[in-house]
């Protein structure tokens, strides 16, 4: 289920905070974002646990990729723009785009 306007900033804030702690080419795991949610934030996201919030985290990550702000990697390789959220199975990593 897509995020609502009040939900998206919760995920985005934690994502941006964690990404800001890693210089390129270091990455974060989406589960780091989900594990950072407080009990109140999980409730706002209609999630019982951090695992239940992973769909929301991935959704925001793909939005950030479409905006050109992050790269999503799997097995150490950057996923191409042709790879959609529904195409990915298994663990992924995320990093901010390299500044020119």
C-alpha atoms as a PDB file:
ATOM      1  CA  UNK A   1       0.000   0.000   0.000  1.00  0.00           C
ATOM      2  CA  UNK A   2       1.479   3.398  -0.983  1.00  0.00           C
ATOM      3  CA  UNK A   3       2.607   5.786   1.719  1.00  0.00           C
ATOM      4  CA  UNK A   4       0.368   8.649   2.715  1.00  0.00           C
ATOM      5  CA  UNK A   5       1.583  12.251   2.979  1.00  0.00           C
ATOM      6  CA  UNK A   6       2.118  12.010   6.770  1.00  0.00           C
ATOM      7  CA  UNK A   7       3.956   8.671   6.459  1.00  0.00           C
ATOM      8  CA  UNK A   8       6.484   9.481   3.746  1.00  0.00           C
ATOM      9  CA  UNK A   9       8.429  12.102   5.789  1.00  0.00           C
ATOM     10  CA  UNK A  10       9.006   9.538   8.560  1.00  0.00           C
ATOM     11  CA  UNK A  11      10.761   7.141   6.209  1.00  0.00           C
ATOM     12  CA  UNK A  12      12.511   9.906   4.316  1.00  0.00           C
ATOM     13  CA  UNK A  13      13.949  11.517   7.460  1.00  0.00           C
ATOM     14  CA  UNK A  14      15.546   8.299   8.705  1.00  0.00           C
ATOM     15  CA  UNK A  15      16.811   7.441   5.226  1.00  0.00           C
ATOM     16  CA  UNK A  16      18.435  10.829   4.722  1.00  0.00           C
ATOM     17  CA  UNK A  17      19.930  10.827   8.219  1.00  0.00           C
ATOM     18  CA  UNK A  18      21.549   7.422   7.735  1.00  0.00           C
ATOM     19  CA  UNK A  19      22.787   8.229   4.233  1.00  0.00           C
ATOM     20  CA  UNK A  20      24.346  11.439   5.531  1.00  0.00           C
ATOM     21  CA  UNK A  21      26.544   9.396   7.884  1.00  0.00           C
ATOM     22  CA  UNK A  22      28.163   7.467   5.018  1.00  0.00           C
ATOM     23  CA  UNK A  23      30.530   9.036   2.535  1.00  0.00           C
ATOM     24  CA  UNK A  24      30.480   7.737  -1.025  1.00  0.00           C
ATOM     25  CA  UNK A  25      30.890   4.822  -1.825  1.00  0.00           C
ATOM     26  CA  UNK A  26      29.758   3.493   1.567  1.00  0.00           C
ATOM     27  CA  UNK A  27      26.229   2.074   1.673  1.00  0.00           C
ATOM     28  CA  UNK A  28      23.368   1.502   4.070  1.00  0.00           C
ATOM     29  CA  UNK A  29      21.050  -1.451   4.318  1.00  0.00           C
ATOM     30  CA  UNK A  30      17.331  -0.661   4.062  1.00  0.00           C
ATOM     31  CA  UNK A  31      16.804  -2.620   7.270  1.00  0.00           C
ATOM     32  CA  UNK A  32      18.913   0.000   9.094  1.00  0.00           C
ATOM     33  CA  UNK A  33      16.246   2.544   8.198  1.00  0.00           C
ATOM     34  CA  UNK A  34      13.413   0.280   9.316  1.00  0.00           C
ATOM     35  CA  UNK A  35      15.153  -0.609  12.578  1.00  0.00           C
ATOM     36  CA  UNK A  36      15.528   3.099  13.384  1.00  0.00           C
ATOM     37  CA  UNK A  37      11.772   3.673  13.618  1.00  0.00           C
ATOM     38  CA  UNK A  38      10.375   4.318  17.061  1.00  0.00           C
ATOM     39  CA  UNK A  39       7.294   2.468  18.282  1.00  0.00           C
ATOM     40  CA  UNK A  40       5.206   5.572  17.564  1.00  0.00           C
ATOM     41  CA  UNK A  41       6.616   5.824  14.035  1.00  0.00           C
ATOM     42  CA  UNK A  42       5.911   2.151  13.374  1.00  0.00           C
ATOM     43  CA  UNK A  43       2.351   2.748  14.490  1.00  0.00           C
ATOM     44  CA  UNK A  44       2.066   5.730  12.109  1.00  0.00           C
ATOM     45  CA  UNK A  45       3.304   3.436   9.337  1.00  0.00           C
ATOM     46  CA  UNK A  46       0.742   0.765  10.282  1.00  0.00           C
ATOM     47  CA  UNK A  47       3.595  -1.632  10.963  1.00  0.00           C
ATOM     48  CA  UNK A  48       3.820  -3.976  13.916  1.00  0.00           C
ATOM     49  CA  UNK A  49       7.582  -4.423  13.592  1.00  0.00           C
ATOM     50  CA  UNK A  50      10.496  -3.066  11.571  1.00  0.00           C
ATOM     51  CA  UNK A  51      10.097  -5.973   9.156  1.00  0.00           C
ATOM     52  CA  UNK A  52       6.544  -4.849   8.407  1.00  0.00           C
ATOM     53  CA  UNK A  53       7.921  -1.410   7.475  1.00  0.00           C
ATOM     54  CA  UNK A  54      10.414  -2.700   4.899  1.00  0.00           C
ATOM     55  CA  UNK A  55       7.974  -2.290   2.012  1.00  0.00           C
ATOM     56  CA  UNK A  56       7.652   1.399   2.861  1.00  0.00           C
ATOM     57  CA  UNK A  57      11.418   1.825   3.089  1.00  0.00           C
ATOM     58  CA  UNK A  58      11.975   0.225  -0.312  1.00  0.00           C
ATOM     59  CA  UNK A  59       9.208   2.364  -1.809  1.00  0.00           C
ATOM     60  CA  UNK A  60      10.927   5.558  -0.657  1.00  0.00           C
ATOM     61  CA  UNK A  61      14.319   4.301  -1.837  1.00  0.00           C
ATOM     62  CA  UNK A  62      12.988   3.760  -5.333  1.00  0.00           C
ATOM     63  CA  UNK A  63      11.470   7.254  -5.306  1.00  0.00           C
ATOM     64  CA  UNK A  64      14.845   8.679  -4.299  1.00  0.00           C
ATOM     65  CA  UNK A  65      16.520   6.709  -7.079  1.00  0.00           C
ATOM     66  CA  UNK A  66      14.036   8.088  -9.615  1.00  0.00           C
ATOM     67  CA  UNK A  67      14.874  11.592  -8.350  1.00  0.00           C
ATOM     68  CA  UNK A  68      18.574  10.859  -8.946  1.00  0.00           C
ATOM     69  CA  UNK A  69      19.517  11.083  -5.272  1.00  0.00           C
ATOM     70  CA  UNK A  70      20.612   7.501  -4.547  1.00  0.00           C
ATOM     71  CA  UNK A  71      21.976   4.397  -6.193  1.00  0.00           C
ATOM     72  CA  UNK A  72      20.578   0.986  -5.345  1.00  0.00           C
ATOM     73  CA  UNK A  73      22.972  -1.928  -5.458  1.00  0.00           C
ATOM     74  CA  UNK A  74      22.567  -5.674  -5.435  1.00  0.00           C
ATOM     75  CA  UNK A  75      25.567  -7.995  -5.184  1.00  0.00           C
ATOM     76  CA  UNK A  76      27.804  -4.926  -5.399  1.00  0.00           C
ATOM     77  CA  UNK A  77      26.421  -3.768  -8.749  1.00  0.00           C
ATOM     78  CA  UNK A  78      24.327  -0.635  -9.293  1.00  0.00           C
ATOM     79  CA  UNK A  79      20.863  -1.585 -10.529  1.00  0.00           C
ATOM     80  CA  UNK A  80      19.900  -0.041 -13.846  1.00  0.00           C
ATOM     81  CA  UNK A  81      16.988   2.321 -14.253  1.00  0.00           C
ATOM     82  CA  UNK A  82      15.123  -0.483 -16.017  1.00  0.00           C
ATOM     83  CA  UNK A  83      15.008  -2.506 -12.769  1.00  0.00           C
ATOM     84  CA  UNK A  84      11.831  -1.716 -10.876  1.00  0.00           C
ATOM     85  CA  UNK A  85      10.966  -2.267  -7.252  1.00  0.00           C
ATOM     86  CA  UNK A  86       8.908  -5.351  -8.111  1.00  0.00           C
ATOM     87  CA  UNK A  87      11.817  -6.875 -10.036  1.00  0.00           C
ATOM     88  CA  UNK A  88      14.190  -7.125  -7.081  1.00  0.00           C
ATOM     89  CA  UNK A  89      14.373 -10.161  -4.867  1.00  0.00           C
ATOM     90  CA  UNK A  90      16.888 -10.459  -2.074  1.00  0.00           C
ATOM     91  CA  UNK A  91      19.091  -8.004  -0.224  1.00  0.00           C
ATOM     92  CA  UNK A  92      19.952  -4.588  -1.581  1.00  0.00           C
ATOM     93  CA  UNK A  93      22.201  -1.767  -0.439  1.00  0.00           C
ATOM     94  CA  UNK A  94      21.814   1.973  -0.967  1.00  0.00           C
ATOM     95  CA  UNK A  95      24.252   4.850  -1.272  1.00  0.00           C
ATOM     96  CA  UNK A  96      24.036   8.522  -2.046  1.00  0.00           C
ATOM     97  CA  UNK A  97      25.002   9.573  -5.548  1.00  0.00           C
ATOM     98  CA  UNK A  98      28.596  10.631  -6.043  1.00  0.00           C
ATOM     99  CA  UNK A  99      28.867  14.411  -6.072  1.00  0.00           C
ATOM    100  CA  UNK A 100      30.518  15.793  -9.189  1.00  0.00           C
END
